[in-house]
Amino acid sequence: MKTIELAIEESVLAEVDLATRALEMTREDFVRTALERALRQQEIIALEQKHSRGYIKQPQTPEEVAEWEAEQVWGEP
């Protein structure tokens, strides 16, 4: 495990301290958890972008869209 030094605005640190007290966590655990979640979110965004590029390269045909039309819930009849 590596140790890092991080510069952070005092106002953000104050919010972190409030959150860590409320969650009964250390700053270290809070920051580690936040970074892990940010990395997972980045992976999700990358997959969504890849998915989007795939549809741009090969859009759905009207037949493919129609196949799922009946599955849509458009609200109360």
PDB file of N, CA and C in Angstrom:
ATOM      1  N   MET A   1       0.852  -1.169   0.000  1.00  0.00           N
ATOM      2  CA  MET A   1       0.000   0.000   0.000  1.00  0.00           C
ATOM      3  C   MET A   1       0.900   1.235   0.000  1.00  0.00           C
ATOM      4  N   LYS A   2       0.496   2.241  -0.734  1.00  0.00           N
ATOM      5  CA  LYS A   2       1.254   3.492  -0.833  1.00  0.00           C
ATOM      6  C   LYS A   2       0.571   4.570   0.012  1.00  0.00           C
ATOM      7  N   THR A   3       1.352   5.497   0.486  1.00  0.00           N
ATOM      8  CA  THR A   3       0.853   6.671   1.196  1.00  0.00           C
ATOM      9  C   THR A   3       0.983   7.855   0.254  1.00  0.00           C
ATOM     10  N   ILE A   4      -0.077   8.684   0.197  1.00  0.00           N
ATOM     11  CA  ILE A   4      -0.038   9.875  -0.644  1.00  0.00           C
ATOM     12  C   ILE A   4      -0.315  11.104   0.201  1.00  0.00           C
ATOM     13  N   GLU A   5       0.109  12.242  -0.298  1.00  0.00           N
ATOM     14  CA  GLU A   5      -0.203  13.513   0.337  1.00  0.00           C
ATOM     15  C   GLU A   5      -1.181  14.225  -0.575  1.00  0.00           C
ATOM     16  N   LEU A   6      -2.175  14.863   0.014  1.00  0.00           N
ATOM     17  CA  LEU A   6      -3.243  15.458  -0.781  1.00  0.00           C
ATOM     18  C   LEU A   6      -3.544  16.859  -0.272  1.00  0.00           C
ATOM     19  N   ALA A   7      -3.520  17.839  -1.154  1.00  0.00           N
ATOM     20  CA  ALA A   7      -3.939  19.200  -0.810  1.00  0.00           C
ATOM     21  C   ALA A   7      -5.435  19.300  -1.078  1.00  0.00           C
ATOM     22  N   ILE A   8      -6.168  19.868  -0.142  1.00  0.00           N
ATOM     23  CA  ILE A   8      -7.625  19.945  -0.263  1.00  0.00           C
ATOM     24  C   ILE A   8      -8.107  21.259   0.351  1.00  0.00           C
ATOM     25  N   GLU A   9      -9.110  21.842  -0.262  1.00  0.00           N
ATOM     26  CA  GLU A   9      -9.687  23.086   0.258  1.00  0.00           C
ATOM     27  C   GLU A   9     -10.205  22.856   1.676  1.00  0.00           C
ATOM     28  N   GLU A  10     -10.051  23.873   2.524  1.00  0.00           N
ATOM     29  CA  GLU A  10     -10.507  23.746   3.913  1.00  0.00           C
ATOM     30  C   GLU A  10     -11.999  23.471   3.999  1.00  0.00           C
ATOM     31  N   SER A  11     -12.777  24.090   3.119  1.00  0.00           N
ATOM     32  CA  SER A  11     -14.231  23.886   3.160  1.00  0.00           C
ATOM     33  C   SER A  11     -14.593  22.437   2.813  1.00  0.00           C
ATOM     34  N   VAL A  12     -13.865  21.855   1.870  1.00  0.00           N
ATOM     35  CA  VAL A  12     -14.114  20.456   1.501  1.00  0.00           C
ATOM     36  C   VAL A  12     -13.697  19.544   2.646  1.00  0.00           C
ATOM     37  N   LEU A  13     -12.573  19.846   3.256  1.00  0.00           N
ATOM     38  CA  LEU A  13     -12.111  19.045   4.389  1.00  0.00           C
ATOM     39  C   LEU A  13     -13.111  19.106   5.541  1.00  0.00           C
ATOM     40  N   ALA A  14     -13.702  20.268   5.764  1.00  0.00           N
ATOM     41  CA  ALA A  14     -14.708  20.400   6.816  1.00  0.00           C
ATOM     42  C   ALA A  14     -15.909  19.499   6.521  1.00  0.00           C
ATOM     43  N   GLU A  15     -16.318  19.451   5.253  1.00  0.00           N
ATOM     44  CA  GLU A  15     -17.425  18.565   4.866  1.00  0.00           C
ATOM     45  C   GLU A  15     -17.047  17.101   5.037  1.00  0.00           C
ATOM     46  N   VAL A  16     -15.815  16.766   4.682  1.00  0.00           N
ATOM     47  CA  VAL A  16     -15.327  15.400   4.860  1.00  0.00           C
ATOM     48  C   VAL A  16     -15.351  15.034   6.339  1.00  0.00           C
ATOM     49  N   ASP A  17     -14.896  15.944   7.178  1.00  0.00           N
ATOM     50  CA  ASP A  17     -14.884  15.674   8.613  1.00  0.00           C
ATOM     51  C   ASP A  17     -16.297  15.470   9.159  1.00  0.00           C
ATOM     52  N   LEU A  18     -17.264  16.258   8.692  1.00  0.00           N
ATOM     53  CA  LEU A  18     -18.655  16.056   9.105  1.00  0.00           C
ATOM     54  C   LEU A  18     -19.151  14.685   8.669  1.00  0.00           C
ATOM     55  N   ALA A  19     -18.855  14.340   7.437  1.00  0.00           N
ATOM     56  CA  ALA A  19     -19.305  13.047   6.909  1.00  0.00           C
ATOM     57  C   ALA A  19     -18.647  11.886   7.641  1.00  0.00           C
ATOM     58  N   THR A  20     -17.361  12.005   7.906  1.00  0.00           N
ATOM     59  CA  THR A  20     -16.670  10.894   8.572  1.00  0.00           C
ATOM     60  C   THR A  20     -17.190  10.689   9.985  1.00  0.00           C
ATOM     61  N   ARG A  21     -17.499  11.779  10.673  1.00  0.00           N
ATOM     62  CA  ARG A  21     -18.079  11.638  12.018  1.00  0.00           C
ATOM     63  C   ARG A  21     -19.449  10.977  11.938  1.00  0.00           C
ATOM     64  N   ALA A  22     -20.274  11.421  10.992  1.00  0.00           N
ATOM     65  CA  ALA A  22     -21.619  10.855  10.851  1.00  0.00           C
ATOM     66  C   ALA A  22     -21.570   9.371  10.483  1.00  0.00           C
ATOM     67  N   LEU A  23     -20.593   9.008   9.666  1.00  0.00           N
ATOM     68  CA  LEU A  23     -20.463   7.616   9.212  1.00  0.00           C
ATOM     69  C   LEU A  23     -19.565   6.772  10.111  1.00  0.00           C
ATOM     70  N   GLU A  24     -18.994   7.422  11.115  1.00  0.00           N
ATOM     71  CA  GLU A  24     -18.065   6.748  12.025  1.00  0.00           C
ATOM     72  C   GLU A  24     -16.932   6.077  11.251  1.00  0.00           C
ATOM     73  N   MET A  25     -16.318   6.869  10.385  1.00  0.00           N
ATOM     74  CA  MET A  25     -15.197   6.426   9.557  1.00  0.00           C
ATOM     75  C   MET A  25     -14.006   7.338   9.824  1.00  0.00           C
ATOM     76  N   THR A  26     -12.845   6.866   9.467  1.00  0.00           N
ATOM     77  CA  THR A  26     -11.675   7.735   9.476  1.00  0.00           C
ATOM     78  C   THR A  26     -11.635   8.495   8.155  1.00  0.00           C
ATOM     79  N   ARG A  27     -10.870   9.577   8.132  1.00  0.00           N
ATOM     80  CA  ARG A  27     -10.672  10.294   6.868  1.00  0.00           C
ATOM     81  C   ARG A  27     -10.098   9.342   5.824  1.00  0.00           C
ATOM     82  N   GLU A  28      -9.129   8.550   6.244  1.00  0.00           N
ATOM     83  CA  GLU A  28      -8.469   7.626   5.324  1.00  0.00           C
ATOM     84  C   GLU A  28      -9.475   6.663   4.697  1.00  0.00           C
ATOM     85  N   ASP A  29     -10.341   6.072   5.529  1.00  0.00           N
ATOM     86  CA  ASP A  29     -11.345   5.144   4.994  1.00  0.00           C
ATOM     87  C   ASP A  29     -12.328   5.854   4.071  1.00  0.00           C
ATOM     88  N   PHE A  30     -12.713   7.076   4.458  1.00  0.00           N
ATOM     89  CA  PHE A  30     -13.656   7.844   3.643  1.00  0.00           C
ATOM     90  C   PHE A  30     -13.065   8.140   2.269  1.00  0.00           C
ATOM     91  N   VAL A  31     -11.833   8.631   2.246  1.00  0.00           N
ATOM     92  CA  VAL A  31     -11.194   8.981   0.977  1.00  0.00           C
ATOM     93  C   VAL A  31     -10.967   7.728   0.140  1.00  0.00           C
ATOM     94  N   ARG A  32     -10.521   6.647   0.764  1.00  0.00           N
ATOM     95  CA  ARG A  32     -10.295   5.397   0.027  1.00  0.00           C
ATOM     96  C   ARG A  32     -11.607   4.914  -0.613  1.00  0.00           C
ATOM     97  N   THR A  33     -12.692   4.941   0.160  1.00  0.00           N
ATOM     98  CA  THR A  33     -13.994   4.512  -0.355  1.00  0.00           C
ATOM     99  C   THR A  33     -14.452   5.416  -1.497  1.00  0.00           C
ATOM    100  N   ALA A  34     -14.261   6.723  -1.337  1.00  0.00           N
ATOM    101  CA  ALA A  34     -14.664   7.664  -2.390  1.00  0.00           C
ATOM    102  C   ALA A  34     -13.880   7.427  -3.669  1.00  0.00           C
ATOM    103  N   LEU A  35     -12.588   7.174  -3.543  1.00  0.00           N
ATOM    104  CA  LEU A  35     -11.767   6.921  -4.729  1.00  0.00           C
ATOM    105  C   LEU A  35     -12.162   5.609  -5.405  1.00  0.00           C
ATOM    106  N   GLU A  36     -12.429   4.580  -4.623  1.00  0.00           N
ATOM    107  CA  GLU A  36     -12.856   3.303  -5.205  1.00  0.00           C
ATOM    108  C   GLU A  36     -14.171   3.455  -5.958  1.00  0.00           C
ATOM    109  N   ARG A  37     -15.104   4.200  -5.366  1.00  0.00           N
ATOM    110  CA  ARG A  37     -16.398   4.428  -6.035  1.00  0.00           C
ATOM    111  C   ARG A  37     -16.223   5.265  -7.300  1.00  0.00           C
ATOM    112  N   ALA A  38     -15.351   6.247  -7.259  1.00  0.00           N
ATOM    113  CA  ALA A  38     -15.100   7.071  -8.443  1.00  0.00           C
ATOM    114  C   ALA A  38     -14.505   6.229  -9.568  1.00  0.00           C
ATOM    115  N   LEU A  39     -13.618   5.312  -9.226  1.00  0.00           N
ATOM    116  CA  LEU A  39     -13.037   4.439 -10.245  1.00  0.00           C
ATOM    117  C   LEU A  39     -14.084   3.505 -10.839  1.00  0.00           C
ATOM    118  N   ARG A  40     -14.976   2.969 -10.016  1.00  0.00           N
ATOM    119  CA  ARG A  40     -16.056   2.119 -10.541  1.00  0.00           C
ATOM    120  C   ARG A  40     -16.968   2.923 -11.452  1.00  0.00           C
ATOM    121  N   GLN A  41     -17.265   4.168 -11.056  1.00  0.00           N
ATOM    122  CA  GLN A  41     -18.113   5.031 -11.882  1.00  0.00           C
ATOM    123  C   GLN A  41     -17.442   5.317 -13.222  1.00  0.00           C
ATOM    124  N   GLN A  42     -16.135   5.528 -13.203  1.00  0.00           N
ATOM    125  CA  GLN A  42     -15.393   5.772 -14.439  1.00  0.00           C
ATOM    126  C   GLN A  42     -15.509   4.564 -15.363  1.00  0.00           C
ATOM    127  N   GLU A  43     -15.442   3.362 -14.797  1.00  0.00           N
ATOM    128  CA  GLU A  43     -15.583   2.147 -15.609  1.00  0.00           C
ATOM    129  C   GLU A  43     -16.970   2.085 -16.244  1.00  0.00           C
ATOM    130  N   ILE A  44     -17.992   2.449 -15.482  1.00  0.00           N
ATOM    131  CA  ILE A  44     -19.366   2.445 -15.993  1.00  0.00           C
ATOM    132  C   ILE A  44     -19.502   3.455 -17.132  1.00  0.00           C
ATOM    133  N   ILE A  45     -18.958   4.653 -16.943  1.00  0.00           N
ATOM    134  CA  ILE A  45     -19.023   5.679 -17.987  1.00  0.00           C
ATOM    135  C   ILE A  45     -18.314   5.199 -19.246  1.00  0.00           C
ATOM    136  N   ALA A  46     -17.155   4.565 -19.090  1.00  0.00           N
ATOM    137  CA  ALA A  46     -16.416   4.063 -20.250  1.00  0.00           C
ATOM    138  C   ALA A  46     -17.223   3.010 -20.996  1.00  0.00           C
ATOM    139  N   LEU A  47     -17.898   2.124 -20.270  1.00  0.00           N
ATOM    140  CA  LEU A  47     -18.727   1.105 -20.915  1.00  0.00           C
ATOM    141  C   LEU A  47     -19.931   1.733 -21.618  1.00  0.00           C
ATOM    142  N   GLU A  48     -20.532   2.751 -20.998  1.00  0.00           N
ATOM    143  CA  GLU A  48     -21.659   3.438 -21.639  1.00  0.00           C
ATOM    144  C   GLU A  48     -21.218   4.131 -22.927  1.00  0.00           C
ATOM    145  N   GLN A  49     -20.040   4.723 -22.906  1.00  0.00           N
ATOM    146  CA  GLN A  49     -19.523   5.376 -24.110  1.00  0.00           C
ATOM    147  C   GLN A  49     -19.249   4.352 -25.202  1.00  0.00           C
ATOM    148  N   LYS A  50     -18.697   3.217 -24.828  1.00  0.00           N
ATOM    149  CA  LYS A  50     -18.442   2.143 -25.791  1.00  0.00           C
ATOM    150  C   LYS A  50     -19.759   1.653 -26.392  1.00  0.00           C
ATOM    151  N   HIS A  51     -20.756   1.476 -25.557  1.00  0.00           N
ATOM    152  CA  HIS A  51     -22.077   1.051 -25.995  1.00  0.00           C
ATOM    153  C   HIS A  51     -22.654   2.070 -26.987  1.00  0.00           C
ATOM    154  N   SER A  52     -22.540   3.348 -26.637  1.00  0.00           N
ATOM    155  CA  SER A  52     -23.049   4.412 -27.496  1.00  0.00           C
ATOM    156  C   SER A  52     -22.349   4.423 -28.856  1.00  0.00           C
ATOM    157  N   ARG A  53     -21.022   4.263 -28.837  1.00  0.00           N
ATOM    158  CA  ARG A  53     -20.283   4.224 -30.107  1.00  0.00           C
ATOM    159  C   ARG A  53     -20.731   3.050 -30.967  1.00  0.00           C
ATOM    160  N   GLY A  54     -21.047   1.928 -30.323  1.00  0.00           N
ATOM    161  CA  GLY A  54     -21.525   0.766 -31.068  1.00  0.00           C
ATOM    162  C   GLY A  54     -22.836   1.054 -31.777  1.00  0.00           C
ATOM    163  N   TYR A  55     -23.753   1.752 -31.087  1.00  0.00           N
ATOM    164  CA  TYR A  55     -25.030   2.082 -31.715  1.00  0.00           C
ATOM    165  C   TYR A  55     -24.872   3.137 -32.812  1.00  0.00           C
ATOM    166  N   ILE A  56     -23.865   4.001 -32.675  1.00  0.00           N
ATOM    167  CA  ILE A  56     -23.608   4.978 -33.734  1.00  0.00           C
ATOM    168  C   ILE A  56     -23.090   4.250 -34.975  1.00  0.00           C
ATOM    169  N   LYS A  57     -22.193   3.286 -34.776  1.00  0.00           N
ATOM    170  CA  LYS A  57     -21.645   2.526 -35.897  1.00  0.00           C
ATOM    171  C   LYS A  57     -22.683   1.608 -36.523  1.00  0.00           C
ATOM    172  N   GLN A  58     -23.530   1.021 -35.677  1.00  0.00           N
ATOM    173  CA  GLN A  58     -24.531   0.078 -36.179  1.00  0.00           C
ATOM    174  C   GLN A  58     -25.860   0.337 -35.467  1.00  0.00           C
ATOM    175  N   PRO A  59     -26.617   1.329 -35.957  1.00  0.00           N
ATOM    176  CA  PRO A  59     -27.893   1.672 -35.318  1.00  0.00           C
ATOM    177  C   PRO A  59     -28.892   0.517 -35.411  1.00  0.00           C
ATOM    178  N   GLN A  60     -29.838   0.543 -34.490  1.00  0.00           N
ATOM    179  CA  GLN A  60     -30.888  -0.464 -34.541  1.00  0.00           C
ATOM    180  C   GLN A  60     -31.764  -0.229 -35.762  1.00  0.00           C
ATOM    181  N   THR A  61     -32.259  -1.314 -36.303  1.00  0.00           N
ATOM    182  CA  THR A  61     -33.194  -1.225 -37.417  1.00  0.00           C
ATOM    183  C   THR A  61     -34.593  -0.983 -36.861  1.00  0.00           C
ATOM    184  N   PRO A  62     -35.501  -0.468 -37.675  1.00  0.00           N
ATOM    185  CA  PRO A  62     -36.880  -0.288 -37.201  1.00  0.00           C
ATOM    186  C   PRO A  62     -37.491  -1.607 -36.696  1.00  0.00           C
ATOM    187  N   GLU A  63     -37.122  -2.718 -37.301  1.00  0.00           N
ATOM    188  CA  GLU A  63     -37.649  -4.015 -36.865  1.00  0.00           C
ATOM    189  C   GLU A  63     -37.176  -4.358 -35.455  1.00  0.00           C
ATOM    190  N   GLU A  64     -35.900  -4.061 -35.167  1.00  0.00           N
ATOM    191  CA  GLU A  64     -35.369  -4.330 -33.831  1.00  0.00           C
ATOM    192  C   GLU A  64     -36.055  -3.468 -32.778  1.00  0.00           C
ATOM    193  N   VAL A  65     -36.340  -2.222 -33.135  1.00  0.00           N
ATOM    194  CA  VAL A  65     -37.029  -1.326 -32.200  1.00  0.00           C
ATOM    195  C   VAL A  65     -38.456  -1.809 -31.990  1.00  0.00           C
ATOM    196  N   ALA A  66     -39.134  -2.180 -33.048  1.00  0.00           N
ATOM    197  CA  ALA A  66     -40.521  -2.632 -32.967  1.00  0.00           C
ATOM    198  C   ALA A  66     -40.650  -3.876 -32.099  1.00  0.00           C
ATOM    199  N   GLU A  67     -39.636  -4.722 -32.139  1.00  0.00           N
ATOM    200  CA  GLU A  67     -39.652  -5.957 -31.354  1.00  0.00           C
ATOM    201  C   GLU A  67     -39.816  -5.661 -29.858  1.00  0.00           C
ATOM    202  N   TRP A  68     -39.276  -4.548 -29.394  1.00  0.00           N
ATOM    203  CA  TRP A  68     -39.331  -4.195 -27.978  1.00  0.00           C
ATOM    204  C   TRP A  68     -40.427  -3.180 -27.656  1.00  0.00           C
ATOM    205  N   GLU A  69     -41.120  -2.682 -28.655  1.00  0.00           N
ATOM    206  CA  GLU A  69     -42.138  -1.650 -28.456  1.00  0.00           C
ATOM    207  C   GLU A  69     -43.205  -2.084 -27.454  1.00  0.00           C
ATOM    208  N   ALA A  70     -43.629  -3.327 -27.539  1.00  0.00           N
ATOM    209  CA  ALA A  70     -44.672  -3.828 -26.650  1.00  0.00           C
ATOM    210  C   ALA A  70     -44.200  -3.899 -25.195  1.00  0.00           C
ATOM    211  N   GLU A  71     -42.899  -3.904 -24.967  1.00  0.00           N
ATOM    212  CA  GLU A  71     -42.351  -3.999 -23.617  1.00  0.00           C
ATOM    213  C   GLU A  71     -42.349  -2.648 -22.894  1.00  0.00           C
ATOM    214  N   GLN A  72     -42.528  -1.574 -23.631  1.00  0.00           N
ATOM    215  CA  GLN A  72     -42.475  -0.241 -23.030  1.00  0.00           C
ATOM    216  C   GLN A  72     -43.693   0.025 -22.173  1.00  0.00           C
ATOM    217  N   VAL A  73     -43.470   0.700 -21.074  1.00  0.00           N
ATOM    218  CA  VAL A  73     -44.554   1.132 -20.193  1.00  0.00           C
ATOM    219  C   VAL A  73     -44.638   2.655 -20.344  1.00  0.00           C
ATOM    220  N   TRP A  74     -45.721   3.118 -20.936  1.00  0.00           N
ATOM    221  CA  TRP A  74     -45.856   4.536 -21.248  1.00  0.00           C
ATOM    222  C   TRP A  74     -46.758   5.264 -20.258  1.00  0.00           C
ATOM    223  N   GLY A  75     -47.139   4.639 -19.183  1.00  0.00           N
ATOM    224  CA  GLY A  75     -48.000   5.294 -18.195  1.00  0.00           C
ATOM    225  C   GLY A  75     -49.348   4.620 -18.136  1.00  0.00           C
ATOM    226  N   GLU A  76     -50.226   5.240 -17.386  1.00  0.00           N
ATOM    227  CA  GLU A  76     -51.584   4.703 -17.211  1.00  0.00           C
ATOM    228  C   GLU A  76     -52.372   4.796 -18.516  1.00  0.00           C
ATOM    229  N   PRO A  77     -53.141   3.757 -18.839  1.00  0.00           N
ATOM    230  CA  PRO A  77     -53.971   3.808 -20.054  1.00  0.00           C
ATOM    231  C   PRO A  77     -55.128   4.768 -19.910  1.00  0.00           C
TER     232      PRO A  77
END
